[in-house]
Protein backbone atom coordinates (compact mmCIF):
# COMPACT_ATOMS: atom_id res chain seq x y z
CA MET A 1 157.06 83.42 94.12
CA GLY A 2 157.10 87.03 92.93
CA GLY A 3 155.28 88.32 96.11
CA ALA A 4 157.66 86.65 98.50
CA ILE A 5 160.68 87.89 96.71
CA SER A 6 159.41 91.36 96.72
CA LEU A 7 158.93 91.02 100.53
CA LEU A 8 162.50 89.81 100.77
CA ALA A 9 163.52 92.86 98.85
CA VAL A 10 161.63 95.11 101.22
CA ASN A 11 163.11 93.47 104.25
CA PHE A 12 166.56 93.72 102.86
CA ILE A 13 166.12 97.55 102.27
CA ILE A 14 164.44 98.11 105.79
CA ALA A 15 167.46 96.34 107.27
CA GLN A 16 170.03 98.45 105.42
CA VAL A 17 168.01 101.72 106.63
CA PHE A 18 168.56 100.33 110.12
CA VAL A 19 172.20 99.74 109.56
CA VAL A 20 172.79 103.33 108.49
CA ALA A 21 170.63 104.69 111.45
CA PHE A 22 172.62 102.78 113.93
CA LEU A 23 175.91 103.90 112.46
CA VAL A 24 174.58 107.49 112.70
CA ILE A 25 173.79 106.82 116.33
CA ALA A 26 177.30 105.42 116.93
CA ALA A 27 178.62 108.69 115.76
CA LYS A 28 176.56 110.88 118.11
CA SER A 29 176.28 108.85 121.28
CA ARG A 30 178.42 107.45 124.04
CA ALA A 31 176.88 104.14 123.31
CA ARG A 32 179.01 103.84 120.17
CA ARG A 33 179.93 100.16 120.64
CA PRO A 34 176.29 98.87 121.14
CA ALA A 35 175.13 100.86 118.21
CA ILE A 36 177.92 99.33 115.99
CA TRP A 37 177.18 95.90 116.98
CA CYS A 38 173.45 96.46 116.24
CA ALA A 39 174.21 97.88 112.90
CA ALA A 40 176.26 94.73 112.30
CA GLY A 41 173.38 92.55 113.35
CA PHE A 42 171.05 94.16 110.84
CA ALA A 43 173.55 93.89 108.17
CA VAL A 44 174.35 90.19 108.78
CA ALA A 45 170.59 89.39 109.13
CA SER A 46 169.80 91.19 105.83
CA LEU A 47 171.79 88.58 103.89
CA SER A 48 169.28 85.96 104.48
CA ALA A 49 167.09 87.91 101.92
CA VAL A 50 169.91 87.38 99.40
CA PHE A 51 170.42 83.67 100.14
CA GLU A 52 166.62 83.08 100.00
CA THR A 53 166.30 84.89 96.73
CA VAL A 54 169.09 82.91 95.13
CA LEU A 55 167.88 79.53 96.73
CA PRO A 56 165.48 78.38 93.93
CA PHE A 57 167.94 78.91 91.19
CA THR A 58 171.08 77.36 92.55
CA PRO A 59 172.16 73.82 92.15
CA VAL A 60 173.32 73.76 95.78
CA PRO A 61 170.23 74.69 97.61
CA LYS A 62 171.42 73.21 101.05
CA LEU A 63 174.30 75.68 101.12
CA PHE A 64 172.05 78.73 100.61
CA ALA A 65 169.22 77.35 102.87
CA VAL A 66 171.68 76.95 105.70
CA GLY A 67 173.28 80.29 104.78
CA ALA A 68 169.94 82.04 105.16
CA PHE A 69 169.35 80.28 108.56
CA ALA A 70 172.92 81.23 109.78
CA SER A 71 172.64 84.87 108.71
CA VAL A 72 169.49 85.52 110.50
CA LEU A 73 170.64 83.83 113.66
CA GLY A 74 173.94 85.51 113.49
CA GLY A 75 172.41 88.90 113.11
CA PHE A 76 170.07 88.13 116.20
CA LEU A 77 173.17 87.14 118.22
CA LEU A 78 175.11 90.38 117.19
CA ILE A 79 172.08 92.38 118.18
CA ARG A 80 171.97 90.54 121.51
CA PHE A 81 175.55 91.34 122.15
CA GLY A 82 175.06 94.94 121.21
CA LEU A 83 172.08 95.47 123.48
CA GLY A 84 173.66 93.53 126.33
CA LEU A 85 176.59 96.24 126.11
CA PHE A 86 173.80 99.00 126.02
CA TYR A 87 172.01 97.51 129.02
CA GLN A 88 175.14 96.40 130.90
CA VAL A 89 173.89 92.84 130.92
CA PRO A 90 176.68 91.45 128.55
CA ALA A 91 176.63 88.13 126.72
CA LYS A 92 180.00 86.32 126.69
CA PRO A 93 181.34 85.86 122.90
CA PRO A 94 182.26 82.25 123.57
CA HIS A 95 178.78 81.56 124.68
CA LEU A 96 177.40 83.22 121.62
CA THR A 97 179.78 81.44 119.31
CA VAL A 98 179.05 77.91 120.87
CA PHE A 99 175.26 78.56 120.51
CA PHE A 100 175.59 79.76 116.82
CA ALA A 101 177.69 76.72 115.94
CA ALA A 102 175.46 74.33 117.66
CA CYS A 103 172.38 75.67 116.04
CA VAL A 104 173.96 75.90 112.56
CA ALA A 105 174.94 72.18 113.13
CA LEU A 106 171.43 71.32 114.26
CA ASP A 107 170.05 73.09 110.95
CA LEU A 108 172.35 70.97 108.77
CA ALA A 109 171.10 67.91 110.63
CA ILE A 110 167.49 68.59 110.15
CA TYR A 111 167.81 69.69 106.39
CA GLU A 112 166.74 66.31 105.09
CA LEU A 113 163.79 65.86 107.40
CA PRO A 114 160.48 66.33 105.66
CA ARG A 115 159.35 69.83 105.79
CA GLY A 116 156.02 70.61 107.15
CA THR A 117 156.62 68.29 110.07
CA PHE A 118 156.67 69.24 113.67
CA GLN A 119 160.21 68.08 114.09
CA HIS A 120 161.62 70.14 111.30
CA ALA A 121 159.53 73.26 112.30
CA PHE A 122 160.36 72.88 115.94
CA PHE A 123 164.25 72.66 115.56
CA TYR A 124 164.30 75.24 112.92
CA GLN A 125 162.41 77.92 114.65
CA MET A 126 163.37 77.42 118.21
CA PRO A 127 166.87 78.96 117.90
CA PHE A 128 165.37 82.12 116.89
CA CYS A 129 162.83 82.03 119.65
CA LEU A 130 165.46 81.49 122.20
CA VAL A 131 167.75 84.31 121.01
CA GLN A 132 164.87 86.78 121.09
CA ALA A 133 163.77 85.68 124.52
CA TRP A 134 167.39 85.90 125.78
CA THR A 135 167.55 89.30 124.23
CA ALA A 136 164.24 90.34 125.99
CA ALA A 137 165.51 89.03 129.28
CA SER A 138 168.63 91.14 129.16
CA VAL A 139 166.45 94.34 128.78
CA LEU A 140 164.35 93.13 131.78
CA ARG A 141 167.31 92.45 133.91
CA SER A 142 168.87 95.83 133.28
CA GLU A 143 168.16 98.89 135.67
CA ARG A 144 166.64 100.98 132.96
CA ARG A 145 162.86 101.33 133.23
CA SER A 146 161.77 104.05 130.89
CA GLN A 147 158.72 103.60 128.66
CA ALA A 148 161.08 103.13 125.74
CA ASP A 149 162.93 100.20 127.47
CA ARG A 150 159.64 98.53 128.33
CA LEU A 151 158.34 98.77 124.86
CA LEU A 152 161.43 97.31 123.54
CA PHE A 153 161.26 94.29 126.03
CA TRP A 154 157.67 93.62 125.07
CA LEU A 155 158.47 93.74 121.34
CA LEU A 156 161.42 91.33 121.78
CA ALA A 157 159.00 89.09 123.76
CA LEU A 158 156.61 89.24 121.06
CA SER A 159 159.32 88.22 118.57
CA ALA A 160 160.03 85.18 120.67
CA ILE A 161 156.38 84.27 120.75
CA TYR A 162 156.13 84.86 117.02
CA TYR A 163 158.77 82.24 116.29
CA LEU A 164 156.99 79.83 118.49
CA VAL A 165 153.78 80.42 116.51
CA LYS A 166 155.66 79.90 113.22
CA ILE A 167 156.26 76.29 114.33
CA TYR A 168 152.59 75.64 114.07
CA ALA A 169 152.04 78.08 111.20
CA ALA A 170 154.64 76.18 108.98
CA ILE A 171 152.64 72.98 109.59
CA ALA A 172 149.13 74.42 109.03
CA ALA A 173 150.01 76.70 106.10
CA GLY A 174 152.65 74.49 104.45
CA SER A 175 156.10 75.82 103.88
CA GLY A 176 156.99 73.74 100.81
CA THR A 177 158.27 70.24 100.46
CA THR A 178 161.82 71.37 99.82
CA ALA A 179 164.02 74.57 100.94
CA ALA A 180 163.97 75.56 97.15
CA ASP A 181 160.15 75.94 96.78
CA TYR A 182 159.68 77.72 100.12
CA LEU A 183 159.14 80.96 98.35
CA THR A 184 156.19 79.52 96.40
CA SER A 185 154.43 78.74 99.57
CA THR A 186 151.68 80.74 101.26
CA PHE A 187 153.76 80.32 104.61
CA ALA A 188 156.64 82.41 102.90
CA LEU A 189 154.23 85.24 102.17
CA ILE A 190 152.97 85.30 105.80
CA SER A 191 156.28 84.87 107.36
CA GLN A 192 157.95 87.60 105.44
CA ALA A 193 155.13 90.11 105.84
CA LEU A 194 154.95 89.62 109.57
CA GLY A 195 158.85 89.48 109.79
CA ALA A 196 158.88 92.82 108.16
CA MET A 197 156.50 94.33 110.68
CA LEU A 198 158.46 93.07 113.58
CA ILE A 199 161.78 94.17 112.06
CA VAL A 200 160.49 97.62 111.65
CA ALA A 201 158.95 97.74 115.36
CA ALA A 202 161.84 96.30 117.07
CA GLY A 203 164.30 98.35 115.12
CA VAL A 204 162.49 101.54 115.76
CA ALA A 205 162.33 100.62 119.61
CA MET A 206 166.03 99.96 119.59
CA LEU A 207 166.81 103.25 117.91
CA GLY A 208 164.36 104.88 120.42
CA VAL A 209 166.26 103.81 123.58
CA MET A 210 169.53 104.85 121.89
CA VAL A 211 168.20 108.26 120.77
CA LYS A 212 166.78 108.77 124.27
CA GLU A 213 170.43 108.24 125.55
CA ILE A 214 171.70 110.96 123.23
CA ILE A 215 169.05 113.27 124.52
CA ASP A 216 169.73 112.40 128.20
CA GLU A 217 173.38 112.95 127.57
CA ALA A 218 172.83 116.30 125.90
CA ARG A 219 170.55 117.20 128.84
CA ALA A 220 173.04 116.27 131.50
CA SER A 221 175.73 118.09 129.60
CA SER A 222 173.70 121.29 129.57
CA GLU A 223 173.11 120.98 133.25
CA LEU A 224 176.62 120.19 134.36
CA ASP A 225 179.38 122.66 135.31
CA PRO A 226 182.44 121.08 133.72
CA LEU A 227 184.92 122.75 136.01
CA SER A 228 183.40 121.61 139.34
CA GLY A 229 181.89 118.44 138.30
CA LEU A 230 178.66 119.61 139.91
CA CYS A 231 175.24 120.78 138.41
CA ASN A 232 175.09 124.21 137.15
CA ARG A 233 172.50 126.56 138.45
CA ARG A 234 169.83 125.23 136.05
CA GLY A 235 170.78 121.52 136.83
CA PHE A 236 170.63 122.18 140.56
CA LEU A 237 167.23 123.68 140.35
CA GLU A 238 165.81 121.04 137.98
CA ARG A 239 167.00 118.31 140.38
CA ALA A 240 166.36 119.94 143.95
CA VAL A 241 162.83 121.33 143.26
CA PRO A 242 161.10 117.94 142.74
CA LEU A 243 162.82 116.60 145.75
CA LEU A 244 161.04 119.32 148.05
CA HIS A 245 157.91 117.28 147.74
CA ASP A 246 159.42 113.98 148.84
CA GLY A 247 160.47 114.91 152.30
CA GLY A 248 157.76 113.12 154.17
CA ASP A 249 156.99 113.75 157.94
CA ASP A 250 160.57 115.14 158.55
CA GLY A 251 160.06 118.07 156.13
CA PRO A 252 161.89 118.62 152.83
CA GLY A 253 165.30 118.75 154.24
CA ALA A 254 168.10 121.33 154.54
CA LEU A 255 169.97 123.77 152.22
CA ILE A 256 173.74 124.53 152.36
CA LEU A 257 174.94 127.63 150.63
CA ALA A 258 178.80 128.13 150.45
CA ASP A 259 181.13 130.91 149.03
CA LEU A 260 184.86 130.67 148.66
CA ASP A 261 186.76 133.16 150.71
CA ARG A 262 188.73 135.83 148.93
CA PHE A 263 188.47 133.96 145.62
CA LYS A 264 189.29 136.94 143.60
CA LEU A 265 192.51 137.49 145.44
CA VAL A 266 193.55 133.87 144.54
CA ASN A 267 192.97 134.46 140.86
CA ASP A 268 194.81 137.92 141.09
CA THR A 269 197.78 136.53 142.86
CA TYR A 270 198.24 133.04 141.50
CA GLY A 271 196.50 133.02 138.37
CA HIS A 272 193.26 131.60 136.88
CA HIS A 273 194.85 128.15 136.70
CA ALA A 274 194.99 128.17 140.39
CA GLY A 275 191.57 129.52 140.74
CA ASP A 276 190.26 126.66 138.52
CA GLU A 277 191.86 124.15 140.74
CA VAL A 278 190.27 125.62 143.70
CA ILE A 279 186.88 125.22 142.02
CA ARG A 280 187.68 121.71 141.13
CA GLN A 281 188.87 120.67 144.58
CA PHE A 282 185.86 122.23 146.31
CA GLY A 283 183.65 120.37 143.99
CA ARG A 284 185.28 117.15 145.07
CA VAL A 285 184.92 118.11 148.74
CA LEU A 286 181.25 118.47 148.33
CA LEU A 287 180.89 115.28 146.27
CA ASP A 288 182.93 113.32 148.75
CA LEU A 289 181.13 114.35 151.88
CA MET A 290 177.46 114.93 150.78
CA PRO A 291 175.00 111.93 151.24
CA GLY A 292 174.12 110.05 148.07
CA GLN A 293 170.68 111.57 147.76
CA ALA A 294 171.84 115.12 148.06
CA VAL A 295 172.15 117.52 145.06
CA ALA A 296 175.03 119.90 144.80
CA GLY A 297 175.47 122.70 142.28
CA ARG A 298 177.76 125.55 141.42
CA LEU A 299 175.38 128.40 141.20
CA GLY A 300 177.98 130.74 139.53
CA GLY A 301 181.49 132.15 140.14
CA GLU A 302 182.57 130.90 143.62
CA GLU A 303 179.16 130.23 145.06
CA PHE A 304 177.92 126.65 145.64
CA ALA A 305 174.66 125.12 146.97
CA VAL A 306 173.86 121.67 148.51
CA PHE A 307 170.31 120.53 148.88
CA LEU A 308 169.91 117.70 151.57
CA PRO A 309 166.56 115.80 151.37
CA ARG A 310 165.23 114.66 154.72
CA VAL A 311 168.29 116.18 156.63
CA SER A 312 167.71 118.11 159.84
CA LEU A 313 169.27 121.56 160.43
CA ALA A 314 171.58 120.15 163.11
CA ASP A 315 172.96 117.31 160.69
CA ALA A 316 173.35 119.80 157.96
CA ARG A 317 175.26 122.13 160.24
CA VAL A 318 177.70 119.32 161.07
CA LEU A 319 178.13 118.39 157.42
CA ALA A 320 178.86 122.11 156.63
CA HIS A 321 181.52 122.11 159.12
CA GLY A 322 183.07 119.06 157.81
CA MET A 323 183.02 120.60 154.27
CA ARG A 324 184.64 123.64 155.71
CA ALA A 325 187.35 121.78 157.45
CA ALA A 326 188.04 119.46 154.49
CA LEU A 327 188.57 122.43 152.16
CA ALA A 328 190.87 124.28 154.66
CA SER A 329 193.12 121.30 155.14
CA ARG A 330 193.18 120.54 151.34
CA GLY A 331 196.53 121.15 149.25
CA ILE A 332 195.70 122.97 146.05
CA GLU A 333 198.03 122.61 143.10
CA GLY A 334 199.26 125.91 142.06
CA LEU A 335 199.21 127.46 145.60
CA PRO A 336 202.12 127.62 148.16
CA GLU A 337 201.55 125.01 150.97
CA THR A 338 201.37 127.85 153.35
CA VAL A 339 198.28 129.11 151.64
CA ALA A 340 194.90 127.58 152.99
CA VAL A 341 191.72 128.18 150.95
CA THR A 342 188.58 128.55 152.98
CA ALA A 343 184.87 128.87 152.59
CA SER A 344 182.04 130.34 154.38
CA PHE A 345 178.80 128.45 154.83
CA GLY A 346 175.08 129.28 155.41
CA VAL A 347 172.71 126.49 156.53
CA ALA A 348 168.86 126.53 156.67
CA ALA A 349 166.26 124.05 157.40
CA ILE A 350 163.59 124.22 154.64
CA ALA A 351 159.88 124.38 155.97
CA ALA A 352 157.08 122.31 154.59
CA GLU A 353 155.58 123.80 151.49
CA GLU A 354 158.34 126.60 151.45
CA LEU A 355 159.62 127.43 147.91
CA LEU A 356 163.26 126.81 147.38
CA GLU A 357 163.57 130.45 146.31
CA MET A 358 162.47 131.56 149.62
CA ALA A 359 164.88 129.05 151.46
CA MET A 360 167.67 130.29 149.32
CA ARG A 361 166.90 133.97 150.42
CA ARG A 362 167.11 132.93 154.11
CA VAL A 363 170.31 130.86 153.79
CA ASP A 364 171.89 133.69 151.76
CA LYS A 365 171.40 136.00 154.76
CA ALA A 366 173.15 133.31 156.97
CA LEU A 367 176.07 133.02 154.45
CA TYR A 368 176.38 136.91 154.58
CA ALA A 369 176.56 136.60 158.43
CA ALA A 370 179.48 134.07 158.08
CA LYS A 371 181.30 136.34 155.75
CA THR A 372 181.06 139.50 157.85
CA GLY A 373 181.62 137.34 160.98
CA GLY A 374 185.19 136.70 159.88
CA ARG A 375 184.94 134.05 157.09
CA ASN A 376 185.71 130.37 157.31
CA ARG A 377 182.56 129.96 159.49
CA VAL A 378 179.24 128.20 159.38
CA GLU A 379 175.95 130.27 160.21
CA CYS A 380 172.59 128.96 160.54
CA ALA A 381 169.53 130.91 159.09
CA ASP A 382 166.53 132.03 161.03
CA PRO A 383 163.35 129.91 160.79
CA PRO A 384 161.03 130.93 157.97
CA MET A 385 158.30 133.52 158.78
CA ARG A 386 154.73 132.18 158.43
CA ILE A 387 151.39 133.76 158.70
CA VAL A 388 149.22 132.47 161.55
CA ALA A 389 145.38 133.31 161.61
CA SER A 390 143.98 134.22 164.94
CA ALA A 391 140.72 135.76 166.10
CA GLY A 392 139.89 137.34 162.66
CA SER A 393 143.41 138.90 162.53
CA GLN A 394 146.89 137.75 161.19
CA ARG A 395 150.19 138.12 163.05
CA MET A 396 153.69 137.21 161.88
CA GLN A 397 155.58 134.28 163.72
CA SER A 398 158.93 132.78 163.40
């Protein structure tokens, strides 16, 4: 009995460590509610160790035996609810409640069945198997496909299989003739040891996916311009450069560079609040009009860029004209209705194998031409220069 009780104590301590860890996650992440529900799940499930430890010494063993069953099952259901929120595959609380009540009633009904029989083992272990399989299915149904998510799925699936195996292990190894002498059985030692391993593995995997969420949030925040709602320069480059290699036969795409006209005059005349609103409104124009696969960023000050994967120069030029017209007709809070804010645009088609830096230099020249040509205009860049080998010599072509 001493070995089984020691393992129960270890499992209880492990569960409390995970409770604290999930509460820390809740304080640091936007996934606050899922982490709190997972913390609650580990806290409730850990009560089973208390019930099972007291079980051999109480005059009412049935109460504590059912309490141990209910606490583990309730903890698993709370974790299912929390992970459902995290993966946006929610479980409805009424469904969880009905399932819990039905399983506890089933456990009460089978309490008097002889232990070590298939009937008792099957109906005792199957609820745990179903909950773990249900939770694994929620991870699989989500749109998240990182390595951490896949690992969590397989660990939950393994946990479901573990409870199936326990049906036959309880019969083969023997789980005691009564609930009170369960802790003296070989099965208790095996069950608690393997259970501890699965608790640690699954708990670490759950923490892993939530920590990854925090890291992704921090990275996104560091690459986001809070004023315009677009990427900052770093975020724009991080997202645009990989897309240069995905253009296929039609080439990488096109690049638009935009600069707000006389932006300093707006700030000096109407104040920085009005200038900030101009930035915000232009960011919305770009987000509203650009295709879904495009990447837009505020490169600094009043300069913006839009990368359009697999878009031709002609289509990019039409889009730039639409952006120009949308901004010019947009009312800006803090500015008189008679004041129209405009922007100048440069557009370039990116050649195959061309570096983004080189394309930006070409489109910057087109933007400069739009500025010097009267502003509130769209100008297209010249094609990139390339080296062509011929008859042992090289000549420049455009």
